[in-house]
PDB file of N, CA and C in Angstrom:
ATOM      1  N   UNK A   1     -28.858   0.345  10.336  1.00  0.00           N
ATOM      2  CA  UNK A   1     -27.777   1.001   9.628  1.00  0.00           C
ATOM      3  C   UNK A   1     -26.499   0.200   9.819  1.00  0.00           C
ATOM      4  N   UNK A   2     -25.788  -0.015   8.733  1.00  0.00           N
ATOM      5  CA  UNK A   2     -24.570  -0.819   8.780  1.00  0.00           C
ATOM      6  C   UNK A   2     -23.421  -0.031   9.398  1.00  0.00           C
ATOM      7  N   UNK A   3     -22.591  -0.725  10.173  1.00  0.00           N
ATOM      8  CA  UNK A   3     -21.443  -0.067  10.793  1.00  0.00           C
ATOM      9  C   UNK A   3     -20.417   0.325   9.737  1.00  0.00           C
ATOM     10  N   UNK A   4     -19.747   1.415   9.962  1.00  0.00           N
ATOM     11  CA  UNK A   4     -18.667   1.820   9.071  1.00  0.00           C
ATOM     12  C   UNK A   4     -17.502   0.868   9.260  1.00  0.00           C
ATOM     13  N   UNK A   5     -16.739   0.684   8.195  1.00  0.00           N
ATOM     14  CA  UNK A   5     -15.579  -0.189   8.266  1.00  0.00           C
ATOM     15  C   UNK A   5     -14.558   0.416   9.221  1.00  0.00           C
ATOM     16  N   UNK A   6     -14.103  -0.373  10.177  1.00  0.00           N
ATOM     17  CA  UNK A   6     -13.238   0.168  11.218  1.00  0.00           C
ATOM     18  C   UNK A   6     -11.757  -0.120  10.991  1.00  0.00           C
ATOM     19  N   UNK A   7     -11.428  -0.912  10.002  1.00  0.00           N
ATOM     20  CA  UNK A   7     -10.023  -1.240   9.771  1.00  0.00           C
ATOM     21  C   UNK A   7      -9.586  -0.757   8.403  1.00  0.00           C
ATOM     22  N   UNK A   8      -8.292  -0.487   8.281  1.00  0.00           N
ATOM     23  CA  UNK A   8      -7.775  -0.096   6.982  1.00  0.00           C
ATOM     24  C   UNK A   8      -7.385  -1.348   6.193  1.00  0.00           C
ATOM     25  N   UNK A   9      -6.999  -1.150   4.955  1.00  0.00           N
ATOM     26  CA  UNK A   9      -6.681  -2.279   4.078  1.00  0.00           C
ATOM     27  C   UNK A   9      -5.524  -3.115   4.614  1.00  0.00           C
ATOM     28  N   UNK A  10      -4.488  -2.471   5.115  1.00  0.00           N
ATOM     29  CA  UNK A  10      -3.333  -3.210   5.624  1.00  0.00           C
ATOM     30  C   UNK A  10      -3.723  -4.106   6.802  1.00  0.00           C
ATOM     31  N   UNK A  11      -4.538  -3.589   7.694  1.00  0.00           N
ATOM     32  CA  UNK A  11      -4.977  -4.378   8.849  1.00  0.00           C
ATOM     33  C   UNK A  11      -5.850  -5.539   8.388  1.00  0.00           C
ATOM     34  N   UNK A  12      -6.750  -5.263   7.463  1.00  0.00           N
ATOM     35  CA  UNK A  12      -7.626  -6.322   6.971  1.00  0.00           C
ATOM     36  C   UNK A  12      -6.812  -7.405   6.262  1.00  0.00           C
ATOM     37  N   UNK A  13      -5.783  -7.010   5.522  1.00  0.00           N
ATOM     38  CA  UNK A  13      -4.901  -7.996   4.880  1.00  0.00           C
ATOM     39  C   UNK A  13      -4.257  -8.879   5.950  1.00  0.00           C
ATOM     40  N   UNK A  14      -3.779  -8.282   7.030  1.00  0.00           N
ATOM     41  CA  UNK A  14      -3.175  -9.059   8.126  1.00  0.00           C
ATOM     42  C   UNK A  14      -4.175 -10.055   8.711  1.00  0.00           C
ATOM     43  N   UNK A  15      -5.377  -9.581   8.975  1.00  0.00           N
ATOM     44  CA  UNK A  15      -6.401 -10.446   9.559  1.00  0.00           C
ATOM     45  C   UNK A  15      -6.714 -11.596   8.612  1.00  0.00           C
ATOM     46  N   UNK A  16      -6.891 -11.288   7.340  1.00  0.00           N
ATOM     47  CA  UNK A  16      -7.218 -12.334   6.362  1.00  0.00           C
ATOM     48  C   UNK A  16      -6.066 -13.308   6.170  1.00  0.00           C
ATOM     49  N   UNK A  17      -4.827 -12.817   6.204  1.00  0.00           N
ATOM     50  CA  UNK A  17      -3.673 -13.708   6.094  1.00  0.00           C
ATOM     51  C   UNK A  17      -3.679 -14.719   7.239  1.00  0.00           C
ATOM     52  N   UNK A  18      -3.932 -14.232   8.436  1.00  0.00           N
ATOM     53  CA  UNK A  18      -3.980 -15.125   9.590  1.00  0.00           C
ATOM     54  C   UNK A  18      -5.175 -16.070   9.515  1.00  0.00           C
ATOM     55  N   UNK A  19      -6.316 -15.548   9.093  1.00  0.00           N
ATOM     56  CA  UNK A  19      -7.514 -16.380   8.969  1.00  0.00           C
ATOM     57  C   UNK A  19      -7.356 -17.424   7.868  1.00  0.00           C
ATOM     58  N   UNK A  20      -6.569 -17.099   6.834  1.00  0.00           N
ATOM     59  CA  UNK A  20      -6.390 -18.040   5.724  1.00  0.00           C
ATOM     60  C   UNK A  20      -5.600 -19.277   6.134  1.00  0.00           C
ATOM     61  N   UNK A  21      -4.937 -19.209   7.284  1.00  0.00           N
ATOM     62  CA  UNK A  21      -4.227 -20.381   7.803  1.00  0.00           C
ATOM     63  C   UNK A  21      -5.172 -21.363   8.483  1.00  0.00           C
ATOM     64  N   UNK A  22      -6.451 -21.028   8.488  1.00  0.00           N
ATOM     65  CA  UNK A  22      -7.448 -21.959   8.989  1.00  0.00           C
ATOM     66  C   UNK A  22      -8.024 -21.647  10.348  1.00  0.00           C
ATOM     67  N   UNK A  23      -7.522 -20.628  11.023  1.00  0.00           N
ATOM     68  CA  UNK A  23      -8.040 -20.326  12.361  1.00  0.00           C
ATOM     69  C   UNK A  23      -8.584 -18.905  12.415  1.00  0.00           C
ATOM     70  N   UNK A  24      -9.818 -18.771  11.984  1.00  0.00           N
ATOM     71  CA  UNK A  24     -10.483 -17.472  11.956  1.00  0.00           C
ATOM     72  C   UNK A  24     -10.611 -16.905  13.366  1.00  0.00           C
ATOM     73  N   UNK A  25     -10.949 -17.757  14.318  1.00  0.00           N
ATOM     74  CA  UNK A  25     -11.131 -17.288  15.691  1.00  0.00           C
ATOM     75  C   UNK A  25      -9.833 -16.740  16.279  1.00  0.00           C
ATOM     76  N   UNK A  26      -8.701 -17.344  15.942  1.00  0.00           N
ATOM     77  CA  UNK A  26      -7.411 -16.832  16.434  1.00  0.00           C
ATOM     78  C   UNK A  26      -7.126 -15.457  15.835  1.00  0.00           C
ATOM     79  N   UNK A  27      -7.440 -15.285  14.553  1.00  0.00           N
ATOM     80  CA  UNK A  27      -7.243 -13.989  13.902  1.00  0.00           C
ATOM     81  C   UNK A  27      -8.145 -12.932  14.530  1.00  0.00           C
ATOM     82  N   UNK A  28      -9.382 -13.315  14.824  1.00  0.00           N
ATOM     83  CA  UNK A  28     -10.318 -12.386  15.456  1.00  0.00           C
ATOM     84  C   UNK A  28      -9.849 -12.052  16.873  1.00  0.00           C
ATOM     85  N   UNK A  29      -9.376 -13.052  17.597  1.00  0.00           N
ATOM     86  CA  UNK A  29      -8.897 -12.810  18.960  1.00  0.00           C
ATOM     87  C   UNK A  29      -7.700 -11.863  18.957  1.00  0.00           C
ATOM     88  N   UNK A  30      -6.811 -12.033  17.994  1.00  0.00           N
ATOM     89  CA  UNK A  30      -5.609 -11.201  17.927  1.00  0.00           C
ATOM     90  C   UNK A  30      -5.937  -9.760  17.548  1.00  0.00           C
ATOM     91  N   UNK A  31      -6.889  -9.583  16.627  1.00  0.00           N
ATOM     92  CA  UNK A  31      -7.196  -8.258  16.090  1.00  0.00           C
ATOM     93  C   UNK A  31      -8.577  -7.759  16.495  1.00  0.00           C
ATOM     94  N   UNK A  32      -9.201  -8.431  17.435  1.00  0.00           N
ATOM     95  CA  UNK A  32     -10.582  -8.132  17.807  1.00  0.00           C
ATOM     96  C   UNK A  32     -10.839  -6.694  18.201  1.00  0.00           C
ATOM     97  N   UNK A  33      -9.871  -6.083  18.852  1.00  0.00           N
ATOM     98  CA  UNK A  33     -10.065  -4.693  19.291  1.00  0.00           C
ATOM     99  C   UNK A  33     -10.185  -3.741  18.109  1.00  0.00           C
ATOM    100  N   UNK A  34      -9.621  -4.123  16.964  1.00  0.00           N
ATOM    101  CA  UNK A  34      -9.661  -3.278  15.772  1.00  0.00           C
ATOM    102  C   UNK A  34     -10.846  -3.579  14.866  1.00  0.00           C
ATOM    103  N   UNK A  35     -11.562  -4.653  15.159  1.00  0.00           N
ATOM    104  CA  UNK A  35     -12.658  -5.084  14.294  1.00  0.00           C
ATOM    105  C   UNK A  35     -14.007  -4.760  14.924  1.00  0.00           C
ATOM    106  N   UNK A  36     -14.938  -4.332  14.087  1.00  0.00           N
ATOM    107  CA  UNK A  36     -16.298  -4.108  14.568  1.00  0.00           C
ATOM    108  C   UNK A  36     -16.996  -5.462  14.716  1.00  0.00           C
ATOM    109  N   UNK A  37     -18.115  -5.480  15.401  1.00  0.00           N
ATOM    110  CA  UNK A  37     -18.896  -6.710  15.545  1.00  0.00           C
ATOM    111  C   UNK A  37     -19.336  -7.223  14.181  1.00  0.00           C
ATOM    112  N   UNK A  38     -19.687  -6.312  13.291  1.00  0.00           N
ATOM    113  CA  UNK A  38     -20.108  -6.693  11.944  1.00  0.00           C
ATOM    114  C   UNK A  38     -18.961  -7.369  11.193  1.00  0.00           C
ATOM    115  N   UNK A  39     -17.766  -6.802  11.286  1.00  0.00           N
ATOM    116  CA  UNK A  39     -16.607  -7.382  10.606  1.00  0.00           C
ATOM    117  C   UNK A  39     -16.280  -8.767  11.165  1.00  0.00           C
ATOM    118  N   UNK A  40     -16.371  -8.911  12.475  1.00  0.00           N
ATOM    119  CA  UNK A  40     -16.129 -10.227  13.089  1.00  0.00           C
ATOM    120  C   UNK A  40     -17.134 -11.252  12.576  1.00  0.00           C
ATOM    121  N   UNK A  41     -18.397 -10.870  12.520  1.00  0.00           N
ATOM    122  CA  UNK A  41     -19.444 -11.777  12.033  1.00  0.00           C
ATOM    123  C   UNK A  41     -19.220 -12.137  10.575  1.00  0.00           C
ATOM    124  N   UNK A  42     -18.818 -11.155   9.785  1.00  0.00           N
ATOM    125  CA  UNK A  42     -18.563 -11.420   8.369  1.00  0.00           C
ATOM    126  C   UNK A  42     -17.401 -12.390   8.193  1.00  0.00           C
ATOM    127  N   UNK A  43     -16.344 -12.218   8.968  1.00  0.00           N
ATOM    128  CA  UNK A  43     -15.209 -13.137   8.895  1.00  0.00           C
ATOM    129  C   UNK A  43     -15.626 -14.559   9.247  1.00  0.00           C
ATOM    130  N   UNK A  44     -16.448 -14.692  10.247  1.00  0.00           N
ATOM    131  CA  UNK A  44     -16.888 -16.025  10.682  1.00  0.00           C
ATOM    132  C   UNK A  44     -17.742 -16.726   9.621  1.00  0.00           C
ATOM    133  N   UNK A  45     -18.421 -15.957   8.786  1.00  0.00           N
ATOM    134  CA  UNK A  45     -19.286 -16.537   7.752  1.00  0.00           C
ATOM    135  C   UNK A  45     -18.523 -16.959   6.501  1.00  0.00           C
ATOM    136  N   UNK A  46     -17.305 -16.461   6.328  1.00  0.00           N
ATOM    137  CA  UNK A  46     -16.557 -16.775   5.110  1.00  0.00           C
ATOM    138  C   UNK A  46     -16.023 -18.202   5.133  1.00  0.00           C
ATOM    139  N   UNK A  47     -16.082 -18.853   3.975  1.00  0.00           N
ATOM    140  CA  UNK A  47     -15.456 -20.170   3.840  1.00  0.00           C
ATOM    141  C   UNK A  47     -13.957 -19.955   3.631  1.00  0.00           C
ATOM    142  N   UNK A  48     -13.144 -20.989   3.838  1.00  0.00           N
ATOM    143  CA  UNK A  48     -11.698 -20.844   3.582  1.00  0.00           C
ATOM    144  C   UNK A  48     -11.390 -20.352   2.166  1.00  0.00           C
ATOM    145  N   UNK A  49     -12.133 -20.839   1.176  1.00  0.00           N
ATOM    146  CA  UNK A  49     -11.914 -20.393  -0.208  1.00  0.00           C
ATOM    147  C   UNK A  49     -12.260 -18.915  -0.364  1.00  0.00           C
ATOM    148  N   UNK A  50     -13.326 -18.474   0.273  1.00  0.00           N
ATOM    149  CA  UNK A  50     -13.708 -17.063   0.213  1.00  0.00           C
ATOM    150  C   UNK A  50     -12.670 -16.184   0.895  1.00  0.00           C
ATOM    151  N   UNK A  51     -12.103 -16.656   1.989  1.00  0.00           N
ATOM    152  CA  UNK A  51     -11.058 -15.899   2.679  1.00  0.00           C
ATOM    153  C   UNK A  51      -9.862 -15.723   1.757  1.00  0.00           C
ATOM    154  N   UNK A  52      -9.428 -16.795   1.117  1.00  0.00           N
ATOM    155  CA  UNK A  52      -8.261 -16.731   0.225  1.00  0.00           C
ATOM    156  C   UNK A  52      -8.535 -15.814  -0.974  1.00  0.00           C
ATOM    157  N   UNK A  53      -9.728 -15.907  -1.545  1.00  0.00           N
ATOM    158  CA  UNK A  53     -10.084 -15.057  -2.687  1.00  0.00           C
ATOM    159  C   UNK A  53     -10.155 -13.596  -2.271  1.00  0.00           C
ATOM    160  N   UNK A  54     -10.794 -13.342  -1.141  1.00  0.00           N
ATOM    161  CA  UNK A  54     -10.902 -11.970  -0.640  1.00  0.00           C
ATOM    162  C   UNK A  54      -9.525 -11.403  -0.345  1.00  0.00           C
ATOM    163  N   UNK A  55      -8.664 -12.206   0.258  1.00  0.00           N
ATOM    164  CA  UNK A  55      -7.304 -11.772   0.568  1.00  0.00           C
ATOM    165  C   UNK A  55      -6.558 -11.414  -0.711  1.00  0.00           C
ATOM    166  N   UNK A  56      -6.614 -12.278  -1.720  1.00  0.00           N
ATOM    167  CA  UNK A  56      -5.917 -12.003  -2.982  1.00  0.00           C
ATOM    168  C   UNK A  56      -6.457 -10.747  -3.647  1.00  0.00           C
ATOM    169  N   UNK A  57      -7.777 -10.608  -3.687  1.00  0.00           N
ATOM    170  CA  UNK A  57      -8.383  -9.427  -4.304  1.00  0.00           C
ATOM    171  C   UNK A  57      -7.998  -8.147  -3.570  1.00  0.00           C
ATOM    172  N   UNK A  58      -7.985  -8.199  -2.258  1.00  0.00           N
ATOM    173  CA  UNK A  58      -7.614  -7.024  -1.467  1.00  0.00           C
ATOM    174  C   UNK A  58      -6.139  -6.682  -1.658  1.00  0.00           C
ATOM    175  N   UNK A  59      -5.283  -7.695  -1.692  1.00  0.00           N
ATOM    176  CA  UNK A  59      -3.855  -7.451  -1.929  1.00  0.00           C
ATOM    177  C   UNK A  59      -3.643  -6.818  -3.302  1.00  0.00           C
ATOM    178  N   UNK A  60      -4.313  -7.347  -4.322  1.00  0.00           N
ATOM    179  CA  UNK A  60      -4.186  -6.801  -5.678  1.00  0.00           C
ATOM    180  C   UNK A  60      -4.692  -5.363  -5.745  1.00  0.00           C
ATOM    181  N   UNK A  61      -5.830  -5.105  -5.117  1.00  0.00           N
ATOM    182  CA  UNK A  61      -6.390  -3.750  -5.116  1.00  0.00           C
ATOM    183  C   UNK A  61      -5.483  -2.782  -4.363  1.00  0.00           C
ATOM    184  N   UNK A  62      -4.914  -3.240  -3.267  1.00  0.00           N
ATOM    185  CA  UNK A  62      -4.023  -2.398  -2.483  1.00  0.00           C
ATOM    186  C   UNK A  62      -2.756  -2.059  -3.270  1.00  0.00           C
ATOM    187  N   UNK A  63      -2.210  -3.046  -3.989  1.00  0.00           N
ATOM    188  CA  UNK A  63      -1.026  -2.800  -4.821  1.00  0.00           C
ATOM    189  C   UNK A  63      -1.348  -1.791  -5.919  1.00  0.00           C
ATOM    190  N   UNK A  64      -2.501  -1.958  -6.567  1.00  0.00           N
ATOM    191  CA  UNK A  64      -2.891  -1.041  -7.641  1.00  0.00           C
ATOM    192  C   UNK A  64      -3.087   0.373  -7.102  1.00  0.00           C
ATOM    193  N   UNK A  65      -3.714   0.486  -5.949  1.00  0.00           N
ATOM    194  CA  UNK A  65      -3.925   1.802  -5.347  1.00  0.00           C
ATOM    195  C   UNK A  65      -2.595   2.449  -4.995  1.00  0.00           C
ATOM    196  N   UNK A  66      -1.680   1.677  -4.435  1.00  0.00           N
ATOM    197  CA  UNK A  66      -0.364   2.215  -4.092  1.00  0.00           C
ATOM    198  C   UNK A  66       0.376   2.699  -5.335  1.00  0.00           C
ATOM    199  N   UNK A  67       0.276   1.959  -6.443  1.00  0.00           N
ATOM    200  CA  UNK A  67       0.909   2.388  -7.694  1.00  0.00           C
ATOM    201  C   UNK A  67       0.294   3.691  -8.192  1.00  0.00           C
ATOM    202  N   UNK A  68      -1.035   3.798  -8.080  1.00  0.00           N
ATOM    203  CA  UNK A  68      -1.712   5.021  -8.514  1.00  0.00           C
ATOM    204  C   UNK A  68      -1.271   6.207  -7.665  1.00  0.00           C
ATOM    205  N   UNK A  69      -1.139   5.990  -6.368  1.00  0.00           N
ATOM    206  CA  UNK A  69      -0.704   7.069  -5.483  1.00  0.00           C
ATOM    207  C   UNK A  69       0.718   7.505  -5.804  1.00  0.00           C
ATOM    208  N   UNK A  70       1.587   6.547  -6.092  1.00  0.00           N
ATOM    209  CA  UNK A  70       2.972   6.862  -6.451  1.00  0.00           C
ATOM    210  C   UNK A  70       3.004   7.660  -7.753  1.00  0.00           C
ATOM    211  N   UNK A  71       2.219   7.226  -8.732  1.00  0.00           N
ATOM    212  CA  UNK A  71       2.166   7.949 -10.000  1.00  0.00           C
ATOM    213  C   UNK A  71       1.639   9.368  -9.806  1.00  0.00           C
ATOM    214  N   UNK A  72       0.622   9.515  -8.968  1.00  0.00           N
ATOM    215  CA  UNK A  72       0.043  10.833  -8.698  1.00  0.00           C
ATOM    216  C   UNK A  72       1.067  11.746  -8.035  1.00  0.00           C
ATOM    217  N   UNK A  73       1.799  11.209  -7.079  1.00  0.00           N
ATOM    218  CA  UNK A  73       2.835  12.003  -6.404  1.00  0.00           C
ATOM    219  C   UNK A  73       3.913  12.397  -7.403  1.00  0.00           C
ATOM    220  N   UNK A  74       4.346  11.449  -8.224  1.00  0.00           N
ATOM    221  CA  UNK A  74       5.387  11.737  -9.212  1.00  0.00           C
ATOM    222  C   UNK A  74       4.929  12.782 -10.232  1.00  0.00           C
ATOM    223  N   UNK A  75       3.670  12.741 -10.612  1.00  0.00           N
ATOM    224  CA  UNK A  75       3.139  13.709 -11.574  1.00  0.00           C
ATOM    225  C   UNK A  75       3.027  15.106 -10.978  1.00  0.00           C
ATOM    226  N   UNK A  76       2.915  15.172  -9.663  1.00  0.00           N
ATOM    227  CA  UNK A  76       2.769  16.468  -9.009  1.00  0.00           C
ATOM    228  C   UNK A  76       4.085  17.062  -8.535  1.00  0.00           C
ATOM    229  N   UNK A  77       5.174  16.367  -8.781  1.00  0.00           N
ATOM    230  CA  UNK A  77       6.485  16.899  -8.366  1.00  0.00           C
ATOM    231  C   UNK A  77       7.018  17.890  -9.367  1.00  0.00           C
TER     232      UNK A  77
END
């Protein structure tokens, strides 16, 4: 059974931003307490291009979700 994701989007964005600078192990060391073993292994398997793509996609999705939440709050006021 796969482990549940242990980090939120903001934390994962931070980890990926740090990993995108080329030092995945430093990012894992800094945020290791917040990452599951599965997440650490997945980060280690990503190529630099995959890290950058994943980071951009996650940032875009997070922005879109935040806009949707703002619209939902505004509609309910």
